[in-house]
Amino acid sequence: TADDPRYEDAVRQGFNQRFRSDVDYLCYPADTAEAVAAVD
């Protein structure tokens, strides 16, 4: 989430550094079930 010290690094992981993600938070699913939960 945005209050996590890893957030600024996480939103700059795109190869083209012209763009910085401005998402509310990032999810890292480990499998399909977690991906379903993230979308839900």
PDB file of all heavy atoms in Angstrom:
ATOM      1  N   THR A   1       0.827  -1.195   0.000  1.00  0.00           N
ATOM      2  CA  THR A   1       0.000   0.000   0.000  1.00  0.00           C
ATOM      3  C   THR A   1       0.864   1.249   0.000  1.00  0.00           C
ATOM      4  O   THR A   1       2.083   1.184   0.159  1.00  0.00           O
ATOM      5  CB  THR A   1      -0.929   0.006   1.233  1.00  0.00           C
ATOM      6  OG1 THR A   1      -0.119  -0.094   2.415  1.00  0.00           O
ATOM      7  CG2 THR A   1      -1.893  -1.179   1.201  1.00  0.00           C
ATOM      8  N   ALA A   2       0.211   2.397  -0.131  1.00  0.00           N
ATOM      9  CA  ALA A   2       0.948   3.657  -0.271  1.00  0.00           C
ATOM     10  C   ALA A   2       1.736   4.030   0.983  1.00  0.00           C
ATOM     11  O   ALA A   2       2.695   4.809   0.900  1.00  0.00           O
ATOM     12  CB  ALA A   2      -0.019   4.783  -0.628  1.00  0.00           C
ATOM     13  N   ASP A   3       1.365   3.480   2.131  1.00  0.00           N
ATOM     14  CA  ASP A   3       2.115   3.792   3.347  1.00  0.00           C
ATOM     15  C   ASP A   3       3.227   2.785   3.631  1.00  0.00           C
ATOM     16  O   ASP A   3       3.891   2.851   4.664  1.00  0.00           O
ATOM     17  CB  ASP A   3       1.172   3.892   4.550  1.00  0.00           C
ATOM     18  CG  ASP A   3       0.380   2.604   4.784  1.00  0.00           C
ATOM     19  OD1 ASP A   3       0.529   1.656   3.974  1.00  0.00           O
ATOM     20  OD2 ASP A   3      -0.401   2.553   5.754  1.00  0.00           O
ATOM     21  N   ASP A   4       3.436   1.858   2.705  1.00  0.00           N
ATOM     22  CA  ASP A   4       4.504   0.862   2.834  1.00  0.00           C
ATOM     23  C   ASP A   4       5.800   1.467   2.303  1.00  0.00           C
ATOM     24  O   ASP A   4       5.810   2.102   1.241  1.00  0.00           O
ATOM     25  CB  ASP A   4       4.120  -0.386   2.020  1.00  0.00           C
ATOM     26  CG  ASP A   4       5.041  -1.568   2.259  1.00  0.00           C
ATOM     27  OD1 ASP A   4       6.260  -1.424   2.054  1.00  0.00           O
ATOM     28  OD2 ASP A   4       4.534  -2.641   2.639  1.00  0.00           O
ATOM     29  N   PRO A   5       6.929   1.311   3.007  1.00  0.00           N
ATOM     30  CA  PRO A   5       8.193   1.879   2.505  1.00  0.00           C
ATOM     31  C   PRO A   5       8.624   1.316   1.157  1.00  0.00           C
ATOM     32  O   PRO A   5       9.444   1.922   0.468  1.00  0.00           O
ATOM     33  CB  PRO A   5       9.206   1.527   3.607  1.00  0.00           C
ATOM     34  CG  PRO A   5       8.576   0.427   4.401  1.00  0.00           C
ATOM     35  CD  PRO A   5       7.099   0.663   4.324  1.00  0.00           C
ATOM     36  N   ARG A   6       8.044   0.174   0.761  1.00  0.00           N
ATOM     37  CA  ARG A   6       8.379  -0.412  -0.550  1.00  0.00           C
ATOM     38  C   ARG A   6       7.567   0.179  -1.691  1.00  0.00           C
ATOM     39  O   ARG A   6       7.830  -0.113  -2.868  1.00  0.00           O
ATOM     40  CB  ARG A   6       8.149  -1.921  -0.505  1.00  0.00           C
ATOM     41  CG  ARG A   6       9.004  -2.677   0.488  1.00  0.00           C
ATOM     42  CD  ARG A   6       8.521  -4.118   0.642  1.00  0.00           C
ATOM     43  NE  ARG A   6       7.168  -4.170   1.218  1.00  0.00           N
ATOM     44  CZ  ARG A   6       6.452  -5.285   1.340  1.00  0.00           C
ATOM     45  NH1 ARG A   6       6.957  -6.442   0.917  1.00  0.00           N
ATOM     46  NH2 ARG A   6       5.251  -5.252   1.891  1.00  0.00           N
ATOM     47  N   TYR A   7       6.578   0.990  -1.374  1.00  0.00           N
ATOM     48  CA  TYR A   7       5.622   1.445  -2.387  1.00  0.00           C
ATOM     49  C   TYR A   7       6.294   2.225  -3.515  1.00  0.00           C
ATOM     50  O   TYR A   7       6.047   1.952  -4.694  1.00  0.00           O
ATOM     51  CB  TYR A   7       4.540   2.308  -1.735  1.00  0.00           C
ATOM     52  CG  TYR A   7       3.533   2.872  -2.713  1.00  0.00           C
ATOM     53  CD1 TYR A   7       2.465   2.109  -3.178  1.00  0.00           C
ATOM     54  CD2 TYR A   7       3.650   4.182  -3.172  1.00  0.00           C
ATOM     55  CE1 TYR A   7       1.541   2.622  -4.076  1.00  0.00           C
ATOM     56  CE2 TYR A   7       2.744   4.709  -4.073  1.00  0.00           C
ATOM     57  CZ  TYR A   7       1.687   3.934  -4.518  1.00  0.00           C
ATOM     58  OH  TYR A   7       0.780   4.457  -5.417  1.00  0.00           O
ATOM     59  N   GLU A   8       7.136   3.182  -3.179  1.00  0.00           N
ATOM     60  CA  GLU A   8       7.733   4.024  -4.223  1.00  0.00           C
ATOM     61  C   GLU A   8       8.574   3.192  -5.186  1.00  0.00           C
ATOM     62  O   GLU A   8       8.583   3.448  -6.402  1.00  0.00           O
ATOM     63  CB  GLU A   8       8.579   5.134  -3.590  1.00  0.00           C
ATOM     64  CG  GLU A   8       9.057   6.195  -4.573  1.00  0.00           C
ATOM     65  CD  GLU A   8       7.921   6.924  -5.278  1.00  0.00           C
ATOM     66  OE1 GLU A   8       6.830   7.063  -4.686  1.00  0.00           O
ATOM     67  OE2 GLU A   8       8.133   7.347  -6.438  1.00  0.00           O
ATOM     68  N   ASP A   9       9.270   2.206  -4.674  1.00  0.00           N
ATOM     69  CA  ASP A   9      10.028   1.317  -5.546  1.00  0.00           C
ATOM     70  C   ASP A   9       9.084   0.469  -6.393  1.00  0.00           C
ATOM     71  O   ASP A   9       9.312   0.265  -7.590  1.00  0.00           O
ATOM     72  CB  ASP A   9      10.944   0.418  -4.714  1.00  0.00           C
ATOM     73  CG  ASP A   9      11.731  -0.553  -5.568  1.00  0.00           C
ATOM     74  OD1 ASP A   9      12.577  -0.100  -6.355  1.00  0.00           O
ATOM     75  OD2 ASP A   9      11.493  -1.772  -5.454  1.00  0.00           O
ATOM     76  N   ALA A  10       8.004  -0.009  -5.785  1.00  0.00           N
ATOM     77  CA  ALA A  10       7.078  -0.898  -6.487  1.00  0.00           C
ATOM     78  C   ALA A  10       6.393  -0.210  -7.656  1.00  0.00           C
ATOM     79  O   ALA A  10       6.159  -0.824  -8.700  1.00  0.00           O
ATOM     80  CB  ALA A  10       6.029  -1.437  -5.510  1.00  0.00           C
ATOM     81  N   VAL A  11       6.075   1.076  -7.518  1.00  0.00           N
ATOM     82  CA  VAL A  11       5.359   1.759  -8.602  1.00  0.00           C
ATOM     83  C   VAL A  11       6.309   2.257  -9.687  1.00  0.00           C
ATOM     84  O   VAL A  11       5.862   2.803 -10.692  1.00  0.00           O
ATOM     85  CB  VAL A  11       4.520   2.938  -8.059  1.00  0.00           C
ATOM     86  CG1 VAL A  11       3.421   2.427  -7.144  1.00  0.00           C
ATOM     87  CG2 VAL A  11       5.390   3.985  -7.351  1.00  0.00           C
ATOM     88  N   ARG A  12       7.597   2.048  -9.503  1.00  0.00           N
ATOM     89  CA  ARG A  12       8.576   2.429 -10.518  1.00  0.00           C
ATOM     90  C   ARG A  12       9.241   1.215 -11.161  1.00  0.00           C
ATOM     91  O   ARG A  12      10.342   1.306 -11.693  1.00  0.00           O
ATOM     92  CB  ARG A  12       9.638   3.358  -9.922  1.00  0.00           C
ATOM     93  CG  ARG A  12       9.097   4.716  -9.525  1.00  0.00           C
ATOM     94  CD  ARG A  12      10.194   5.686  -9.132  1.00  0.00           C
ATOM     95  NE  ARG A  12       9.681   7.003  -8.811  1.00  0.00           N
ATOM     96  CZ  ARG A  12       9.412   7.947  -9.708  1.00  0.00           C
ATOM     97  NH1 ARG A  12       9.629   7.714 -10.989  1.00  0.00           N
ATOM     98  NH2 ARG A  12       8.943   9.128  -9.321  1.00  0.00           N
ATOM     99  N   GLN A  13       8.569   0.074 -11.119  1.00  0.00           N
ATOM    100  CA  GLN A  13       9.156  -1.140 -11.658  1.00  0.00           C
ATOM    101  C   GLN A  13       8.950  -1.294 -13.160  1.00  0.00           C
ATOM    102  O   GLN A  13       9.456  -2.238 -13.763  1.00  0.00           O
ATOM    103  CB  GLN A  13       8.576  -2.360 -10.934  1.00  0.00           C
ATOM    104  CG  GLN A  13       9.079  -2.522  -9.509  1.00  0.00           C
ATOM    105  CD  GLN A  13      10.580  -2.720  -9.446  1.00  0.00           C
ATOM    106  OE1 GLN A  13      11.126  -3.603 -10.088  1.00  0.00           O
ATOM    107  NE2 GLN A  13      11.259  -1.873  -8.679  1.00  0.00           N
ATOM    108  N   GLY A  14       8.202  -0.408 -13.790  1.00  0.00           N
ATOM    109  CA  GLY A  14       8.051  -0.481 -15.238  1.00  0.00           C
ATOM    110  C   GLY A  14       9.353  -0.183 -15.951  1.00  0.00           C
ATOM    111  O   GLY A  14      10.152   0.656 -15.496  1.00  0.00           O
ATOM    112  N   PHE A  15       9.590  -0.855 -17.069  1.00  0.00           N
ATOM    113  CA  PHE A  15      10.859  -0.685 -17.784  1.00  0.00           C
ATOM    114  C   PHE A  15      11.023   0.748 -18.289  1.00  0.00           C
ATOM    115  O   PHE A  15      12.109   1.304 -18.259  1.00  0.00           O
ATOM    116  CB  PHE A  15      10.924  -1.675 -18.948  1.00  0.00           C
ATOM    117  CG  PHE A  15      12.254  -1.713 -19.638  1.00  0.00           C
ATOM    118  CD1 PHE A  15      13.361  -2.273 -19.012  1.00  0.00           C
ATOM    119  CD2 PHE A  15      12.413  -1.190 -20.910  1.00  0.00           C
ATOM    120  CE1 PHE A  15      14.593  -2.311 -19.645  1.00  0.00           C
ATOM    121  CE2 PHE A  15      13.640  -1.228 -21.551  1.00  0.00           C
ATOM    122  CZ  PHE A  15      14.738  -1.786 -20.925  1.00  0.00           C
ATOM    123  N   ASN A  16       9.949   1.359 -18.768  1.00  0.00           N
ATOM    124  CA  ASN A  16      10.014   2.738 -19.245  1.00  0.00           C
ATOM    125  C   ASN A  16       9.817   3.677 -18.063  1.00  0.00           C
ATOM    126  O   ASN A  16       8.710   3.830 -17.546  1.00  0.00           O
ATOM    127  CB  ASN A  16       8.943   2.989 -20.308  1.00  0.00           C
ATOM    128  CG  ASN A  16       9.113   4.338 -20.985  1.00  0.00           C
ATOM    129  OD1 ASN A  16       9.927   5.162 -20.570  1.00  0.00           O
ATOM    130  ND2 ASN A  16       8.345   4.570 -22.043  1.00  0.00           N
ATOM    131  N   GLN A  17      10.896   4.323 -17.656  1.00  0.00           N
ATOM    132  CA  GLN A  17      10.858   5.149 -16.455  1.00  0.00           C
ATOM    133  C   GLN A  17      10.183   6.505 -16.672  1.00  0.00           C
ATOM    134  O   GLN A  17      10.114   7.319 -15.750  1.00  0.00           O
ATOM    135  CB  GLN A  17      12.270   5.332 -15.914  1.00  0.00           C
ATOM    136  CG  GLN A  17      12.864   4.051 -15.338  1.00  0.00           C
ATOM    137  CD  GLN A  17      12.181   3.625 -14.049  1.00  0.00           C
ATOM    138  OE1 GLN A  17      12.317   4.279 -13.018  1.00  0.00           O
ATOM    139  NE2 GLN A  17      11.425   2.531 -14.109  1.00  0.00           N
ATOM    140  N   ARG A  18       9.651   6.745 -17.873  1.00  0.00           N
ATOM    141  CA  ARG A  18       8.810   7.933 -18.062  1.00  0.00           C
ATOM    142  C   ARG A  18       7.529   7.823 -17.247  1.00  0.00           C
ATOM    143  O   ARG A  18       6.888   8.839 -16.944  1.00  0.00           O
ATOM    144  CB  ARG A  18       8.423   8.076 -19.539  1.00  0.00           C
ATOM    145  CG  ARG A  18       9.492   8.665 -20.444  1.00  0.00           C
ATOM    146  CD  ARG A  18       9.007   8.682 -21.891  1.00  0.00           C
ATOM    147  NE  ARG A  18       7.738   9.392 -22.017  1.00  0.00           N
ATOM    148  CZ  ARG A  18       6.780   9.049 -22.892  1.00  0.00           C
ATOM    149  NH1 ARG A  18       6.930   8.005 -23.687  1.00  0.00           N
ATOM    150  NH2 ARG A  18       5.674   9.764 -22.966  1.00  0.00           N
ATOM    151  N   PHE A  19       7.145   6.601 -16.909  1.00  0.00           N
ATOM    152  CA  PHE A  19       5.852   6.393 -16.267  1.00  0.00           C
ATOM    153  C   PHE A  19       6.029   5.837 -14.852  1.00  0.00           C
ATOM    154  O   PHE A  19       6.804   4.915 -14.633  1.00  0.00           O
ATOM    155  CB  PHE A  19       4.996   5.433 -17.101  1.00  0.00           C
ATOM    156  CG  PHE A  19       4.740   5.934 -18.488  1.00  0.00           C
ATOM    157  CD1 PHE A  19       5.471   5.463 -19.566  1.00  0.00           C
ATOM    158  CD2 PHE A  19       3.774   6.910 -18.714  1.00  0.00           C
ATOM    159  CE1 PHE A  19       5.244   5.940 -20.845  1.00  0.00           C
ATOM    160  CE2 PHE A  19       3.551   7.397 -19.985  1.00  0.00           C
ATOM    161  CZ  PHE A  19       4.278   6.911 -21.054  1.00  0.00           C
ATOM    162  N   ARG A  20       5.282   6.424 -13.946  1.00  0.00           N
ATOM    163  CA  ARG A  20       5.235   5.966 -12.561  1.00  0.00           C
ATOM    164  C   ARG A  20       3.794   5.574 -12.269  1.00  0.00           C
ATOM    165  O   ARG A  20       2.877   6.369 -12.471  1.00  0.00           O
ATOM    166  CB  ARG A  20       5.684   7.065 -11.616  1.00  0.00           C
ATOM    167  CG  ARG A  20       5.501   6.755 -10.137  1.00  0.00           C
ATOM    168  CD  ARG A  20       5.702   8.014  -9.301  1.00  0.00           C
ATOM    169  NE  ARG A  20       5.518   7.768  -7.873  1.00  0.00           N
ATOM    170  CZ  ARG A  20       4.343   7.747  -7.268  1.00  0.00           C
ATOM    171  NH1 ARG A  20       3.221   7.930  -7.972  1.00  0.00           N
ATOM    172  NH2 ARG A  20       4.257   7.539  -5.963  1.00  0.00           N
ATOM    173  N   SER A  21       3.572   4.381 -11.794  1.00  0.00           N
ATOM    174  CA  SER A  21       2.218   3.954 -11.459  1.00  0.00           C
ATOM    175  C   SER A  21       1.651   4.832 -10.348  1.00  0.00           C
ATOM    176  O   SER A  21       2.364   5.207  -9.413  1.00  0.00           O
ATOM    177  CB  SER A  21       2.208   2.490 -10.997  1.00  0.00           C
ATOM    178  OG  SER A  21       2.659   1.637 -12.026  1.00  0.00           O
ATOM    179  N   ASP A  22       0.367   5.152 -10.455  1.00  0.00           N
ATOM    180  CA  ASP A  22      -0.266   5.959  -9.420  1.00  0.00           C
ATOM    181  C   ASP A  22      -1.408   5.190  -8.756  1.00  0.00           C
ATOM    182  O   ASP A  22      -2.403   5.766  -8.333  1.00  0.00           O
ATOM    183  CB  ASP A  22      -0.785   7.275 -10.001  1.00  0.00           C
ATOM    184  CG  ASP A  22      -1.767   7.085 -11.151  1.00  0.00           C
ATOM    185  OD1 ASP A  22      -2.067   5.926 -11.491  1.00  0.00           O
ATOM    186  OD2 ASP A  22      -2.241   8.100 -11.697  1.00  0.00           O
ATOM    187  N   VAL A  23      -1.240   3.868  -8.672  1.00  0.00           N
ATOM    188  CA  VAL A  23      -2.303   3.019  -8.134  1.00  0.00           C
ATOM    189  C   VAL A  23      -2.426   3.177  -6.619  1.00  0.00           C
ATOM    190  O   VAL A  23      -1.496   3.619  -5.939  1.00  0.00           O
ATOM    191  CB  VAL A  23      -2.036   1.536  -8.484  1.00  0.00           C
ATOM    192  CG1 VAL A  23      -2.162   1.327  -9.983  1.00  0.00           C
ATOM    193  CG2 VAL A  23      -0.667   1.085  -7.999  1.00  0.00           C
ATOM    194  N   ASP A  24      -3.597   2.791  -6.112  1.00  0.00           N
ATOM    195  CA  ASP A  24      -3.831   2.868  -4.668  1.00  0.00           C
ATOM    196  C   ASP A  24      -2.993   1.833  -3.923  1.00  0.00           C
ATOM    197  O   ASP A  24      -2.492   2.096  -2.833  1.00  0.00           O
ATOM    198  CB  ASP A  24      -5.314   2.643  -4.367  1.00  0.00           C
ATOM    199  CG  ASP A  24      -6.200   3.666  -5.071  1.00  0.00           C
ATOM    200  OD1 ASP A  24      -5.803   4.833  -5.142  1.00  0.00           O
ATOM    201  OD2 ASP A  24      -7.273   3.282  -5.569  1.00  0.00           O
ATOM    202  N   TYR A  25      -2.891   0.649  -4.491  1.00  0.00           N
ATOM    203  CA  TYR A  25      -2.044  -0.388  -3.919  1.00  0.00           C
ATOM    204  C   TYR A  25      -1.730  -1.433  -4.977  1.00  0.00           C
ATOM    205  O   TYR A  25      -2.334  -1.459  -6.056  1.00  0.00           O
ATOM    206  CB  TYR A  25      -2.692  -1.032  -2.685  1.00  0.00           C
ATOM    207  CG  TYR A  25      -3.989  -1.784  -2.933  1.00  0.00           C
ATOM    208  CD1 TYR A  25      -3.989  -3.146  -3.256  1.00  0.00           C
ATOM    209  CD2 TYR A  25      -5.222  -1.144  -2.808  1.00  0.00           C
ATOM    210  CE1 TYR A  25      -5.176  -3.835  -3.471  1.00  0.00           C
ATOM    211  CE2 TYR A  25      -6.417  -1.825  -3.013  1.00  0.00           C
ATOM    212  CZ  TYR A  25      -6.392  -3.167  -3.344  1.00  0.00           C
ATOM    213  OH  TYR A  25      -7.560  -3.855  -3.558  1.00  0.00           O
ATOM    214  N   LEU A  26      -0.757  -2.283  -4.686  1.00  0.00           N
ATOM    215  CA  LEU A  26      -0.336  -3.347  -5.588  1.00  0.00           C
ATOM    216  C   LEU A  26      -0.551  -4.687  -4.917  1.00  0.00           C
ATOM    217  O   LEU A  26      -0.304  -4.844  -3.716  1.00  0.00           O
ATOM    218  CB  LEU A  26       1.144  -3.211  -5.967  1.00  0.00           C
ATOM    219  CG  LEU A  26       1.594  -1.905  -6.617  1.00  0.00           C
ATOM    220  CD1 LEU A  26       2.075  -0.914  -5.554  1.00  0.00           C
ATOM    221  CD2 LEU A  26       2.705  -2.145  -7.632  1.00  0.00           C
ATOM    222  N   CYS A  27      -1.004  -5.681  -5.688  1.00  0.00           N
ATOM    223  CA  CYS A  27      -1.180  -7.052  -5.214  1.00  0.00           C
ATOM    224  C   CYS A  27      -0.184  -7.964  -5.911  1.00  0.00           C
ATOM    225  O   CYS A  27       0.089  -7.800  -7.101  1.00  0.00           O
ATOM    226  CB  CYS A  27      -2.585  -7.557  -5.515  1.00  0.00           C
ATOM    227  SG  CYS A  27      -3.865  -6.768  -4.557  1.00  0.00           S
ATOM    228  N   TYR A  28       0.317  -8.958  -5.167  1.00  0.00           N
ATOM    229  CA  TYR A  28       1.275  -9.923  -5.709  1.00  0.00           C
ATOM    230  C   TYR A  28       0.748 -11.341  -5.473  1.00  0.00           C
ATOM    231  O   TYR A  28       1.190 -12.024  -4.550  1.00  0.00           O
ATOM    232  CB  TYR A  28       2.641  -9.739  -5.054  1.00  0.00           C
ATOM    233  CG  TYR A  28       3.276  -8.407  -5.352  1.00  0.00           C
ATOM    234  CD1 TYR A  28       2.978  -7.288  -4.576  1.00  0.00           C
ATOM    235  CD2 TYR A  28       4.161  -8.254  -6.416  1.00  0.00           C
ATOM    236  CE1 TYR A  28       3.547  -6.054  -4.841  1.00  0.00           C
ATOM    237  CE2 TYR A  28       4.744  -7.025  -6.690  1.00  0.00           C
ATOM    238  CZ  TYR A  28       4.428  -5.934  -5.906  1.00  0.00           C
ATOM    239  OH  TYR A  28       4.994  -4.718  -6.187  1.00  0.00           O
ATOM    240  N   PRO A  29      -0.193 -11.796  -6.289  1.00  0.00           N
ATOM    241  CA  PRO A  29      -0.725 -13.148  -6.086  1.00  0.00           C
ATOM    242  C   PRO A  29       0.335 -14.207  -6.354  1.00  0.00           C
ATOM    243  O   PRO A  29       1.187 -14.049  -7.237  1.00  0.00           O
ATOM    244  CB  PRO A  29      -1.872 -13.246  -7.088  1.00  0.00           C
ATOM    245  CG  PRO A  29      -1.559 -12.222  -8.132  1.00  0.00           C
ATOM    246  CD  PRO A  29      -0.838 -11.120  -7.431  1.00  0.00           C
ATOM    247  N   ALA A  30       0.251 -15.288  -5.588  1.00  0.00           N
ATOM    248  CA  ALA A  30       1.176 -16.406  -5.763  1.00  0.00           C
ATOM    249  C   ALA A  30       0.572 -17.507  -6.611  1.00  0.00           C
ATOM    250  O   ALA A  30       1.299 -18.383  -7.083  1.00  0.00           O
ATOM    251  CB  ALA A  30       1.580 -16.969  -4.403  1.00  0.00           C
ATOM    252  N   ASP A  31      -0.744 -17.493  -6.778  1.00  0.00           N
ATOM    253  CA  ASP A  31      -1.409 -18.531  -7.557  1.00  0.00           C
ATOM    254  C   ASP A  31      -2.750 -18.004  -8.060  1.00  0.00           C
ATOM    255  O   ASP A  31      -3.110 -16.835  -7.805  1.00  0.00           O
ATOM    256  CB  ASP A  31      -1.590 -19.809  -6.733  1.00  0.00           C
ATOM    257  CG  ASP A  31      -2.319 -19.568  -5.416  1.00  0.00           C
ATOM    258  OD1 ASP A  31      -3.144 -18.627  -5.337  1.00  0.00           O
ATOM    259  OD2 ASP A  31      -2.066 -20.324  -4.451  1.00  0.00           O
ATOM    260  N   THR A  32      -3.497 -18.862  -8.734  1.00  0.00           N
ATOM    261  CA  THR A  32      -4.757 -18.437  -9.329  1.00  0.00           C
ATOM    262  C   THR A  32      -5.770 -18.027  -8.270  1.00  0.00           C
ATOM    263  O   THR A  32      -6.480 -17.023  -8.424  1.00  0.00           O
ATOM    264  CB  THR A  32      -5.327 -19.569 -10.204  1.00  0.00           C
ATOM    265  OG1 THR A  32      -4.389 -19.871 -11.246  1.00  0.00           O
ATOM    266  CG2 THR A  32      -6.651 -19.161 -10.824  1.00  0.00           C
ATOM    267  N   ALA A  33      -5.858 -18.790  -7.171  1.00  0.00           N
ATOM    268  CA  ALA A  33      -6.820 -18.464  -6.118  1.00  0.00           C
ATOM    269  C   ALA A  33      -6.566 -17.071  -5.553  1.00  0.00           C
ATOM    270  O   ALA A  33      -7.509 -16.303  -5.297  1.00  0.00           O
ATOM    271  CB  ALA A  33      -6.766 -19.515  -5.012  1.00  0.00           C
ATOM    272  N   GLU A  34      -5.309 -16.720  -5.367  1.00  0.00           N
ATOM    273  CA  GLU A  34      -4.993 -15.384  -4.850  1.00  0.00           C
ATOM    274  C   GLU A  34      -5.289 -14.307  -5.891  1.00  0.00           C
ATOM    275  O   GLU A  34      -5.664 -13.186  -5.534  1.00  0.00           O
ATOM    276  CB  GLU A  34      -3.539 -15.332  -4.406  1.00  0.00           C
ATOM    277  CG  GLU A  34      -3.267 -16.133  -3.143  1.00  0.00           C
ATOM    278  CD  GLU A  34      -1.896 -15.866  -2.551  1.00  0.00           C
ATOM    279  OE1 GLU A  34      -1.150 -15.047  -3.145  1.00  0.00           O
ATOM    280  OE2 GLU A  34      -1.576 -16.442  -1.496  1.00  0.00           O
ATOM    281  N   ALA A  35      -5.125 -14.627  -7.171  1.00  0.00           N
ATOM    282  CA  ALA A  35      -5.467 -13.663  -8.216  1.00  0.00           C
ATOM    283  C   ALA A  35      -6.971 -13.402  -8.231  1.00  0.00           C
ATOM    284  O   ALA A  35      -7.422 -12.252  -8.385  1.00  0.00           O
ATOM    285  CB  ALA A  35      -4.997 -14.171  -9.574  1.00  0.00           C
ATOM    286  N   VAL A  36      -7.763 -14.461  -8.067  1.00  0.00           N
ATOM    287  CA  VAL A  36      -9.217 -14.292  -7.980  1.00  0.00           C
ATOM    288  C   VAL A  36      -9.573 -13.405  -6.797  1.00  0.00           C
ATOM    289  O   VAL A  36     -10.398 -12.478  -6.912  1.00  0.00           O
ATOM    290  CB  VAL A  36      -9.919 -15.662  -7.874  1.00  0.00           C
ATOM    291  CG1 VAL A  36     -11.413 -15.480  -7.567  1.00  0.00           C
ATOM    292  CG2 VAL A  36      -9.751 -16.461  -9.156  1.00  0.00           C
ATOM    293  N   ALA A  37      -8.962 -13.659  -5.653  1.00  0.00           N
ATOM    294  CA  ALA A  37      -9.238 -12.854  -4.463  1.00  0.00           C
ATOM    295  C   ALA A  37      -8.850 -11.393  -4.677  1.00  0.00           C
ATOM    296  O   ALA A  37      -9.573 -10.477  -4.246  1.00  0.00           O
ATOM    297  CB  ALA A  37      -8.488 -13.430  -3.266  1.00  0.00           C
ATOM    298  N   ALA A  38      -7.730 -11.152  -5.345  1.00  0.00           N
ATOM    299  CA  ALA A  38      -7.279  -9.786  -5.596  1.00  0.00           C
ATOM    300  C   ALA A  38      -8.275  -9.029  -6.466  1.00  0.00           C
ATOM    301  O   ALA A  38      -8.589  -7.857  -6.213  1.00  0.00           O
ATOM    302  CB  ALA A  38      -5.907  -9.803  -6.258  1.00  0.00           C
ATOM    303  N   VAL A  39      -8.781  -9.703  -7.497  1.00  0.00           N
ATOM    304  CA  VAL A  39      -9.756  -9.063  -8.372  1.00  0.00           C
ATOM    305  C   VAL A  39     -11.065  -8.827  -7.622  1.00  0.00           C
ATOM    306  O   VAL A  39     -11.681  -7.753  -7.719  1.00  0.00           O
ATOM    307  CB  VAL A  39      -9.987  -9.912  -9.639  1.00  0.00           C
ATOM    308  CG1 VAL A  39     -11.110  -9.319 -10.484  1.00  0.00           C
ATOM    309  CG2 VAL A  39      -8.699 -10.004 -10.463  1.00  0.00           C
ATOM    310  N   ASP A  40     -11.512  -9.818  -6.859  1.00  0.00           N
ATOM    311  CA  ASP A  40     -12.746  -9.666  -6.072  1.00  0.00           C
ATOM    312  C   ASP A  40     -12.662  -8.458  -5.136  1.00  0.00           C
ATOM    313  O   ASP A  40     -13.600  -7.647  -5.047  1.00  0.00           O
ATOM    314  CB  ASP A  40     -13.008 -10.930  -5.254  1.00  0.00           C
ATOM    315  CG  ASP A  40     -14.020 -11.858  -5.905  1.00  0.00           C
ATOM    316  OD1 ASP A  40     -14.839 -11.365  -6.708  1.00  0.00           O
ATOM    317  OD2 ASP A  40     -13.983 -13.067  -5.612  1.00  0.00           O
TER     318      ASP A  40
END
